[in-house]
C-alpha atoms as a PDB file:
ATOM      1  CA  MET A   1      15.274  75.043 130.174  1.00  0.00           C
ATOM      2  CA  GLU A   2      17.375  71.599 130.068  1.00  0.00           C
ATOM      3  CA  GLU A   3      17.478  71.698 126.344  1.00  0.00           C
ATOM      4  CA  SER A   4      18.793  75.246 126.282  1.00  0.00           C
ATOM      5  CA  SER A   5      21.517  74.450 128.991  1.00  0.00           C
ATOM      6  CA  TYR A   6      22.777  71.611 126.831  1.00  0.00           C
ATOM      7  CA  THR A   7      23.328  73.826 123.778  1.00  0.00           C
ATOM      8  CA  GLY A   8      25.615  76.199 125.868  1.00  0.00           C
ATOM      9  CA  LEU A   9      28.230  73.477 126.584  1.00  0.00           C
ATOM     10  CA  PRO A  10      31.570  73.506 124.588  1.00  0.00           C
ATOM     11  CA  THR A  11      31.597  70.850 121.885  1.00  0.00           C
ATOM     12  CA  SER A  12      34.869  71.562 120.108  1.00  0.00           C
ATOM     13  CA  HIS A  13      36.523  68.483 121.862  1.00  0.00           C
ATOM     14  CA  LEU A  14      34.125  66.049 120.690  1.00  0.00           C
ATOM     15  CA  LEU A  15      35.068  63.564 118.010  1.00  0.00           C
ATOM     16  CA  GLY A  16      33.794  64.804 114.593  1.00  0.00           C
ATOM     17  CA  SER A  17      33.011  68.262 115.667  1.00  0.00           C
ATOM     18  CA  VAL A  18      34.224  71.140 113.583  1.00  0.00           C
ATOM     19  CA  PRO A  19      35.742  74.063 115.535  1.00  0.00           C
ATOM     20  CA  ALA A  20      34.386  77.407 114.715  1.00  0.00           C
ATOM     21  CA  VAL A  21      36.567  79.419 112.234  1.00  0.00           C
ATOM     22  CA  ILE A  22      37.914  82.361 114.020  1.00  0.00           C
ATOM     23  CA  THR A  23      39.079  85.222 111.661  1.00  0.00           C
ATOM     24  CA  GLU A  24      42.208  86.964 112.852  1.00  0.00           C
ATOM     25  CA  GLU A  25      43.250  90.304 111.533  1.00  0.00           C
ATOM     26  CA  ASN A  26      46.601  90.627 110.077  1.00  0.00           C
ATOM     27  CA  ASN A  27      48.373  92.090 113.071  1.00  0.00           C
ATOM     28  CA  THR A  28      51.798  91.415 111.918  1.00  0.00           C
ATOM     29  CA  THR A  29      54.132  94.203 113.193  1.00  0.00           C
ATOM     30  CA  LYS A  30      56.188  95.881 110.582  1.00  0.00           C
ATOM     31  CA  HIS A  31      59.392  96.928 112.079  1.00  0.00           C
ATOM     32  CA  VAL A  32      60.885  99.877 110.158  1.00  0.00           C
ATOM     33  CA  ALA A  33      64.266 101.078 111.025  1.00  0.00           C
ATOM     34  CA  ASN A  34      64.901 104.558 110.149  1.00  0.00           C
ATOM     35  CA  ASN A  35      68.138 105.348 108.573  1.00  0.00           C
ATOM     36  CA  ALA A  36      69.076 101.629 108.398  1.00  0.00           C
ATOM     37  CA  SER A  37      72.135 100.652 106.259  1.00  0.00           C
ATOM     38  CA  MET A  38      73.427  97.384 105.138  1.00  0.00           C
ATOM     39  CA  GLN A  39      76.856  96.414 106.521  1.00  0.00           C
ATOM     40  CA  ILE A  40      79.700  94.150 105.244  1.00  0.00           C
ATOM     41  CA  PHE A  41      80.800  91.286 107.341  1.00  0.00           C
ATOM     42  CA  PRO A  42      83.408  90.750 108.510  1.00  0.00           C
ATOM     43  CA  PRO A  43      84.395  94.168 109.959  1.00  0.00           C
ATOM     44  CA  ASN A  44      87.347  95.925 108.731  1.00  0.00           C
ATOM     45  CA  ASN A  45      90.148  95.558 111.082  1.00  0.00           C
ATOM     46  CA  GLY A  46      93.049  96.404 108.807  1.00  0.00           C
ATOM     47  CA  GLY A  47      94.730  99.283 110.497  1.00  0.00           C
ATOM     48  CA  ASP A  48      91.757 101.533 111.587  1.00  0.00           C
ATOM     49  CA  ARG A  49      91.011 100.005 115.053  1.00  0.00           C
ATOM     50  CA  GLY A  50      88.382 102.554 115.818  1.00  0.00           C
ATOM     51  CA  ARG A  51      86.218 101.226 112.764  1.00  0.00           C
ATOM     52  CA  GLY A  52      83.962  98.289 113.117  1.00  0.00           C
ATOM     53  CA  TYR A  53      81.495  97.143 110.402  1.00  0.00           C
ATOM     54  CA  GLN A  54      81.715  98.958 107.161  1.00  0.00           C
ATOM     55  CA  THR A  55      78.730 100.498 105.628  1.00  0.00           C
ATOM     56  CA  LEU A  56      77.944  99.387 102.129  1.00  0.00           C
ATOM     57  CA  GLY A  57      79.123 101.934  99.666  1.00  0.00           C
ATOM     58  CA  SER A  58      81.497 103.579 101.824  1.00  0.00           C
ATOM     59  CA  PRO A  59      85.246 103.750 100.587  1.00  0.00           C
ATOM     60  CA  THR A  60      87.232 100.635 101.650  1.00  0.00           C
ATOM     61  CA  GLU A  61      90.681 102.028 100.837  1.00  0.00           C
ATOM     62  CA  ALA A  62      91.905 103.489 104.117  1.00  0.00           C
ATOM     63  CA  PHE A  63      94.833 105.223 102.268  1.00  0.00           C
ATOM     64  CA  GLU A  64      92.710 106.998  99.698  1.00  0.00           C
ATOM     65  CA  GLN A  65      93.480 110.724  99.339  1.00  0.00           C
ATOM     66  CA  GLN A  66      95.793 110.811 102.590  1.00  0.00           C
ATOM     67  CA  PRO A  67      97.448 114.146 103.051  1.00  0.00           C
ATOM     68  CA  ALA A  68     101.270 113.924 102.110  1.00  0.00           C
ATOM     69  CA  ASN A  69     102.278 115.274 105.563  1.00  0.00           C
ATOM     70  CA  ASN A  70     100.551 112.321 107.160  1.00  0.00           C
ATOM     71  CA  TRP A  71     103.027 109.469 107.484  1.00  0.00           C
ATOM     72  CA  ARG A  72     100.660 106.909 105.779  1.00  0.00           C
ATOM     73  CA  GLY A  73     100.246 109.551 102.995  1.00  0.00           C
ATOM     74  CA  VAL A  74     103.968 110.009 102.489  1.00  0.00           C
ATOM     75  CA  PHE A  75     104.017 106.415 100.974  1.00  0.00           C
ATOM     76  CA  SER A  76     100.751 106.637  98.930  1.00  0.00           C
ATOM     77  CA  ILE A  77     101.100 107.701  95.316  1.00  0.00           C
ATOM     78  CA  SER A  78      97.589 109.044  95.269  1.00  0.00           C
ATOM     79  CA  SER A  79      98.626 111.712  97.822  1.00  0.00           C
ATOM     80  CA  TYR A  80     100.820 113.454  95.402  1.00  0.00           C
ATOM     81  CA  THR A  81      98.652 113.412  92.287  1.00  0.00           C
ATOM     82  CA  GLN A  82      96.965 116.727  93.126  1.00  0.00           C
ATOM     83  CA  TYR A  83     100.615 118.363  93.084  1.00  0.00           C
ATOM     84  CA  PHE A  84     100.931 117.559  89.365  1.00  0.00           C
ATOM     85  CA  ASN A  85      97.605 119.376  88.407  1.00  0.00           C
ATOM     86  CA  VAL A  86      99.011 122.750  87.265  1.00  0.00           C
ATOM     87  CA  ASP A  87      98.543 124.563  84.162  1.00  0.00           C
ATOM     88  CA  THR A  88     101.294 125.537  81.734  1.00  0.00           C
ATOM     89  CA  ASP A  89     100.763 129.261  82.580  1.00  0.00           C
ATOM     90  CA  VAL A  90     101.245 128.623  86.144  1.00  0.00           C
ATOM     91  CA  VAL A  91     104.408 126.733  85.604  1.00  0.00           C
ATOM     92  CA  LEU A  92     105.893 129.445  83.352  1.00  0.00           C
ATOM     93  CA  THR A  93     104.969 132.085  85.995  1.00  0.00           C
ATOM     94  CA  ARG A  94     106.775 130.096  88.638  1.00  0.00           C
ATOM     95  CA  LEU A  95     109.793 129.579  86.217  1.00  0.00           C
ATOM     96  CA  ILE A  96     110.104 133.248  85.656  1.00  0.00           C
ATOM     97  CA  SER A  97     109.781 133.950  89.470  1.00  0.00           C
ATOM     98  CA  SER A  98     112.588 131.673  90.223  1.00  0.00           C
ATOM     99  CA  LEU A  99     114.908 133.726  87.922  1.00  0.00           C
ATOM    100  CA  ASN A 100     114.398 136.635  90.129  1.00  0.00           C
ATOM    101  CA  PRO A 101     116.608 136.096  93.091  1.00  0.00           C
ATOM    102  CA  VAL A 102     115.692 139.270  95.273  1.00  0.00           C
ATOM    103  CA  ALA A 103     111.873 139.071  95.016  1.00  0.00           C
ATOM    104  CA  ALA A 104     111.366 136.749  98.129  1.00  0.00           C
ATOM    105  CA  ASP A 105     107.808 136.227  97.249  1.00  0.00           C
ATOM    106  CA  PHE A 106     107.941 132.805  95.941  1.00  0.00           C
ATOM    107  CA  PHE A 107     106.178 131.104  98.685  1.00  0.00           C
ATOM    108  CA  SER A 108     103.238 133.680  98.641  1.00  0.00           C
ATOM    109  CA  LYS A 109     102.845 132.717  94.931  1.00  0.00           C
ATOM    110  CA  ILE A 110     102.720 128.749  95.546  1.00  0.00           C
ATOM    111  CA  ASP A 111     100.722 129.072  98.852  1.00  0.00           C
ATOM    112  CA  ALA A 112      97.489 128.154  97.167  1.00  0.00           C
ATOM    113  CA  ASN A 113      98.707 125.317  94.971  1.00  0.00           C
ATOM    114  CA  PRO A 114     102.263 124.115  95.651  1.00  0.00           C
ATOM    115  CA  ASP A 115     103.365 121.627  92.876  1.00  0.00           C
ATOM    116  CA  LEU A 116     105.943 118.861  92.433  1.00  0.00           C
ATOM    117  CA  TYR A 117     105.869 119.178  88.474  1.00  0.00           C
ATOM    118  CA  GLY A 118     108.763 121.568  88.587  1.00  0.00           C
ATOM    119  CA  LEU A 119     110.693 119.493  90.852  1.00  0.00           C
ATOM    120  CA  VAL A 120     110.424 116.335  88.691  1.00  0.00           C
ATOM    121  CA  TRP A 121     110.770 117.916  85.295  1.00  0.00           C
ATOM    122  CA  ILE A 122     113.293 120.681  86.138  1.00  0.00           C
ATOM    123  CA  SER A 123     115.633 118.180  87.916  1.00  0.00           C
ATOM    124  CA  THR A 124     115.177 115.608  84.829  1.00  0.00           C
ATOM    125  CA  THR A 125     115.920 118.292  82.305  1.00  0.00           C
ATOM    126  CA  LEU A 126     119.006 119.465  84.270  1.00  0.00           C
ATOM    127  CA  VAL A 127     120.213 115.986  84.444  1.00  0.00           C
ATOM    128  CA  PHE A 128     120.215 115.370  80.711  1.00  0.00           C
ATOM    129  CA  VAL A 129     121.525 118.894  80.052  1.00  0.00           C
ATOM    130  CA  LEU A 130     124.590 118.485  82.171  1.00  0.00           C
ATOM    131  CA  ALA A 131     125.189 114.975  80.825  1.00  0.00           C
ATOM    132  CA  SER A 132     124.896 116.173  77.234  1.00  0.00           C
ATOM    133  CA  LEU A 133     126.621 119.622  77.508  1.00  0.00           C
ATOM    134  CA  GLY A 134     129.411 118.313  79.692  1.00  0.00           C
ATOM    135  CA  ASN A 135     130.294 115.984  77.040  1.00  0.00           C
ATOM    136  CA  LEU A 136     130.156 118.672  74.493  1.00  0.00           C
ATOM    137  CA  ALA A 137     132.320 120.921  76.537  1.00  0.00           C
ATOM    138  CA  THR A 138     134.900 118.197  76.884  1.00  0.00           C
ATOM    139  CA  TYR A 139     134.919 117.740  73.194  1.00  0.00           C
ATOM    140  CA  LEU A 140     135.369 121.443  72.361  1.00  0.00           C
ATOM    141  CA  ILE A 141     138.310 121.671  74.950  1.00  0.00           C
ATOM    142  CA  LEU A 142     140.012 118.608  73.379  1.00  0.00           C
ATOM    143  CA  LYS A 143     139.466 120.102  69.971  1.00  0.00           C
ATOM    144  CA  ASN A 144     140.954 123.291  70.755  1.00  0.00           C
ATOM    145  CA  SER A 145     144.025 121.932  72.645  1.00  0.00           C
ATOM    146  CA  GLU A 146     147.076 120.429  71.213  1.00  0.00           C
ATOM    147  CA  ASN A 147     146.295 117.214  73.212  1.00  0.00           C
ATOM    148  CA  SER A 148     146.094 114.145  70.725  1.00  0.00           C
ATOM    149  CA  THR A 149     143.814 112.218  72.927  1.00  0.00           C
ATOM    150  CA  SER A 150     140.712 110.932  71.221  1.00  0.00           C
ATOM    151  CA  TRP A 151     137.422 112.044  72.439  1.00  0.00           C
ATOM    152  CA  SER A 152     134.500 109.701  73.451  1.00  0.00           C
ATOM    153  CA  PHE A 153     131.127 110.103  74.929  1.00  0.00           C
ATOM    154  CA  ASP A 154     131.313 109.600  78.790  1.00  0.00           C
ATOM    155  CA  VAL A 155     128.053 107.731  79.857  1.00  0.00           C
ATOM    156  CA  SER A 156     129.144 108.238  83.517  1.00  0.00           C
ATOM    157  CA  TYR A 157     128.086 111.768  83.337  1.00  0.00           C
ATOM    158  CA  VAL A 158     124.346 110.668  83.200  1.00  0.00           C
ATOM    159  CA  ASN A 159     124.758 108.699  86.427  1.00  0.00           C
ATOM    160  CA  VAL A 160     126.810 111.252  88.190  1.00  0.00           C
ATOM    161  CA  ALA A 161     124.152 113.951  87.203  1.00  0.00           C
ATOM    162  CA  ALA A 162     121.107 111.865  88.175  1.00  0.00           C
ATOM    163  CA  CYS A 163     122.484 110.967  91.537  1.00  0.00           C
ATOM    164  CA  SER A 164     123.725 114.295  92.450  1.00  0.00           C
ATOM    165  CA  ILE A 165     120.706 116.420  91.202  1.00  0.00           C
ATOM    166  CA  TYR A 166     117.887 113.998  92.286  1.00  0.00           C
ATOM    167  CA  GLY A 167     119.605 113.522  95.539  1.00  0.00           C
ATOM    168  CA  TYR A 168     120.262 117.287  96.167  1.00  0.00           C
ATOM    169  CA  ALA A 169     116.600 118.241  95.332  1.00  0.00           C
ATOM    170  CA  ILE A 170     114.923 115.607  97.384  1.00  0.00           C
ATOM    171  CA  VAL A 171     117.376 115.151 100.422  1.00  0.00           C
ATOM    172  CA  VAL A 172     118.113 118.800 101.193  1.00  0.00           C
ATOM    173  CA  PRO A 173     114.562 119.955 101.483  1.00  0.00           C
ATOM    174  CA  LEU A 174     113.652 116.913 103.504  1.00  0.00           C
ATOM    175  CA  ALA A 175     116.399 117.643 105.886  1.00  0.00           C
ATOM    176  CA  TYR A 176     115.323 121.139 106.340  1.00  0.00           C
ATOM    177  CA  TYR A 177     111.716 120.001 106.874  1.00  0.00           C
ATOM    178  CA  PHE A 178     112.887 117.759 109.807  1.00  0.00           C
ATOM    179  CA  PHE A 179     115.082 120.305 111.088  1.00  0.00           C
ATOM    180  CA  LEU A 180     112.565 123.079 111.271  1.00  0.00           C
ATOM    181  CA  GLN A 181     110.030 120.642 112.704  1.00  0.00           C
ATOM    182  CA  TYR A 182     112.545 119.809 115.462  1.00  0.00           C
ATOM    183  CA  MET A 183     112.995 123.511 116.210  1.00  0.00           C
ATOM    184  CA  GLY A 184     109.428 124.029 116.429  1.00  0.00           C
ATOM    185  CA  SER A 185     109.054 126.129 113.298  1.00  0.00           C
ATOM    186  CA  ASN A 186     106.165 125.872 110.802  1.00  0.00           C
ATOM    187  CA  ALA A 187     107.582 123.833 107.823  1.00  0.00           C
ATOM    188  CA  SER A 188     105.916 122.312 104.583  1.00  0.00           C
ATOM    189  CA  LEU A 189     107.763 119.684 102.770  1.00  0.00           C
ATOM    190  CA  ILE A 190     105.901 120.054  99.615  1.00  0.00           C
ATOM    191  CA  ARG A 191     106.425 123.782  99.542  1.00  0.00           C
ATOM    192  CA  PHE A 192     110.159 123.110 100.298  1.00  0.00           C
ATOM    193  CA  TRP A 193     110.452 120.596  97.420  1.00  0.00           C
ATOM    194  CA  CYS A 194     108.574 123.048  95.152  1.00  0.00           C
ATOM    195  CA  MET A 195     110.964 125.952  95.891  1.00  0.00           C
ATOM    196  CA  TRP A 196     114.323 123.900  95.760  1.00  0.00           C
ATOM    197  CA  GLY A 197     113.045 122.300  92.405  1.00  0.00           C
ATOM    198  CA  TYR A 198     112.501 125.754  90.830  1.00  0.00           C
ATOM    199  CA  SER A 199     115.674 127.084  92.163  1.00  0.00           C
ATOM    200  CA  LEU A 200     117.552 124.728  89.663  1.00  0.00           C
ATOM    201  CA  THR A 201     115.917 126.530  86.640  1.00  0.00           C
ATOM    202  CA  ILE A 202     118.830 128.991  86.368  1.00  0.00           C
ATOM    203  CA  PHE A 203     121.201 126.139  86.084  1.00  0.00           C
ATOM    204  CA  ILE A 204     119.695 124.796  82.921  1.00  0.00           C
ATOM    205  CA  PHE A 205     120.307 128.229  81.079  1.00  0.00           C
ATOM    206  CA  SER A 206     123.730 128.792  82.472  1.00  0.00           C
ATOM    207  CA  SER A 207     124.844 125.317  81.412  1.00  0.00           C
ATOM    208  CA  PHE A 208     124.569 126.491  77.803  1.00  0.00           C
ATOM    209  CA  LEU A 209     126.930 129.249  78.628  1.00  0.00           C
ATOM    210  CA  LEU A 210     129.319 126.911  80.223  1.00  0.00           C
ATOM    211  CA  ILE A 211     130.189 125.192  76.876  1.00  0.00           C
ATOM    212  CA  ILE A 212     132.300 128.209  75.974  1.00  0.00           C
ATOM    213  CA  PRO A 213     135.946 126.992  75.987  1.00  0.00           C
ATOM    214  CA  VAL A 214     137.287 129.754  78.130  1.00  0.00           C
ATOM    215  CA  GLU A 215     138.080 128.700  81.719  1.00  0.00           C
ATOM    216  CA  PHE A 216     137.992 132.008  83.317  1.00  0.00           C
ATOM    217  CA  LEU A 217     134.660 132.997  81.641  1.00  0.00           C
ATOM    218  CA  ARG A 218     133.162 129.680  82.709  1.00  0.00           C
ATOM    219  CA  TRP A 219     134.029 130.409  86.495  1.00  0.00           C
ATOM    220  CA  ILE A 220     132.507 133.772  86.350  1.00  0.00           C
ATOM    221  CA  ILE A 221     129.101 132.239  84.777  1.00  0.00           C
ATOM    222  CA  ILE A 222     128.992 129.684  87.379  1.00  0.00           C
ATOM    223  CA  LEU A 223     129.586 131.744  90.376  1.00  0.00           C
ATOM    224  CA  LEU A 224     127.122 134.199  89.337  1.00  0.00           C
ATOM    225  CA  THR A 225     124.548 131.582  88.646  1.00  0.00           C
ATOM    226  CA  GLY A 226     125.337 129.971  92.088  1.00  0.00           C
ATOM    227  CA  VAL A 227     124.832 133.204  93.786  1.00  0.00           C
ATOM    228  CA  ALA A 228     121.566 133.933  92.071  1.00  0.00           C
ATOM    229  CA  SER A 229     120.066 130.521  92.888  1.00  0.00           C
ATOM    230  CA  ALA A 230     121.583 130.764  96.520  1.00  0.00           C
ATOM    231  CA  SER A 231     119.831 134.332  96.927  1.00  0.00           C
ATOM    232  CA  PHE A 232     116.644 132.891  95.779  1.00  0.00           C
ATOM    233  CA  VAL A 233     116.631 130.088  98.167  1.00  0.00           C
ATOM    234  CA  ALA A 234     117.989 132.047 101.161  1.00  0.00           C
ATOM    235  CA  LEU A 235     115.750 135.100 100.824  1.00  0.00           C
ATOM    236  CA  ASN A 236     112.500 133.030 100.239  1.00  0.00           C
ATOM    237  CA  LEU A 237     113.498 130.652 103.069  1.00  0.00           C
ATOM    238  CA  ARG A 238     113.955 133.761 105.496  1.00  0.00           C
ATOM    239  CA  SER A 239     110.664 135.099 104.468  1.00  0.00           C
ATOM    240  CA  TYR A 240     108.990 131.665 105.210  1.00  0.00           C
ATOM    241  CA  ILE A 241     110.446 131.237 108.627  1.00  0.00           C
ATOM    242  CA  GLU A 242     110.480 134.982 109.520  1.00  0.00           C
ATOM    243  CA  GLY A 243     110.391 135.671 113.300  1.00  0.00           C
ATOM    244  CA  ASN A 244     112.459 132.652 114.177  1.00  0.00           C
ATOM    245  CA  GLU A 245     116.195 132.708 115.175  1.00  0.00           C
ATOM    246  CA  LEU A 246     117.351 130.450 112.340  1.00  0.00           C
ATOM    247  CA  SER A 247     119.785 132.666 110.627  1.00  0.00           C
ATOM    248  CA  ALA A 248     122.382 129.648 110.580  1.00  0.00           C
ATOM    249  CA  ALA A 249     119.911 127.515 108.640  1.00  0.00           C
ATOM    250  CA  ILE A 250     119.486 130.178 106.009  1.00  0.00           C
ATOM    251  CA  ILE A 251     123.131 130.838 105.704  1.00  0.00           C
ATOM    252  CA  ALA A 252     123.607 127.050 105.362  1.00  0.00           C
ATOM    253  CA  ALA A 253     121.025 126.889 102.592  1.00  0.00           C
ATOM    254  CA  PHE A 254     123.020 129.675 100.761  1.00  0.00           C
ATOM    255  CA  ILE A 255     126.303 127.769 101.056  1.00  0.00           C
ATOM    256  CA  LEU A 256     124.687 124.516  99.808  1.00  0.00           C
ATOM    257  CA  GLN A 257     123.469 126.304  96.589  1.00  0.00           C
ATOM    258  CA  ILE A 258     126.969 127.686  95.979  1.00  0.00           C
ATOM    259  CA  GLY A 259     128.534 124.224  96.645  1.00  0.00           C
ATOM    260  CA  LEU A 260     126.118 122.670  94.102  1.00  0.00           C
ATOM    261  CA  ALA A 261     127.155 125.253  91.561  1.00  0.00           C
ATOM    262  CA  ILE A 262     130.824 124.650  92.146  1.00  0.00           C
ATOM    263  CA  PHE A 263     130.244 120.981  91.963  1.00  0.00           C
ATOM    264  CA  ILE A 264     128.574 121.281  88.504  1.00  0.00           C
ATOM    265  CA  LYS A 265     131.469 123.325  87.090  1.00  0.00           C
ATOM    266  CA  ALA A 266     134.252 120.951  88.582  1.00  0.00           C
ATOM    267  CA  TRP A 267     132.733 117.786  87.394  1.00  0.00           C
ATOM    268  CA  PHE A 268     130.783 118.341  84.195  1.00  0.00           C
ATOM    269  CA  PHE A 269     132.574 121.531  82.835  1.00  0.00           C
ATOM    270  CA  ALA A 270     136.340 120.911  84.087  1.00  0.00           C
END
């Protein structure tokens, strides 16, 4: 009995004793986070105050593909790239449509895909046409007159044409956009730029007729051109803001187009 009781005493604390090896199961807990994602530190605080840490792989450019009617998108070049993605057939169709001043269906044709291609290239073409043909008209007048004044190419025609045409095609639609927004009417700046840009098409064709050295015929041509372009702008603008009491704005748009026509005649084909 005494011998069996001694064997039950714990001996692991004794010098030279070997503690029993206890095999433990691998109970390491594996924490699996569902839908976990890595994040970039530090958090992005550049403008988006509602955003904290960025998820790895998410776009870091806050201004990528901003809509053009958003203030940040107005100053982003990437916002306008989609408006230059048009086919040649579409541009030709819109050019032909702009030569019909009474159809008043231009906004319905560009509603799905308004473009700025016409605004840029029609305005640029008109600038160089006015500068070159204006000088040619001056040469023909001097040649057919008894005046002994020598003719020289006037480079200032290029500067005046660029400032007047680009300024008109950009500022006038922009002014109408802000005015209609202020009046509570629905307005689209891209569509306005598109329409006013294509409204300049007829001036390109009429400029070739204005080199005829007959003053009376020149005035008839430019006035008919101005009325056609003004009717195109006014009737399409009326169909776009139909239902609003903005007749004064439509009349003003008509007068502005007539004023542009008279300016072209008085400055480049005087």
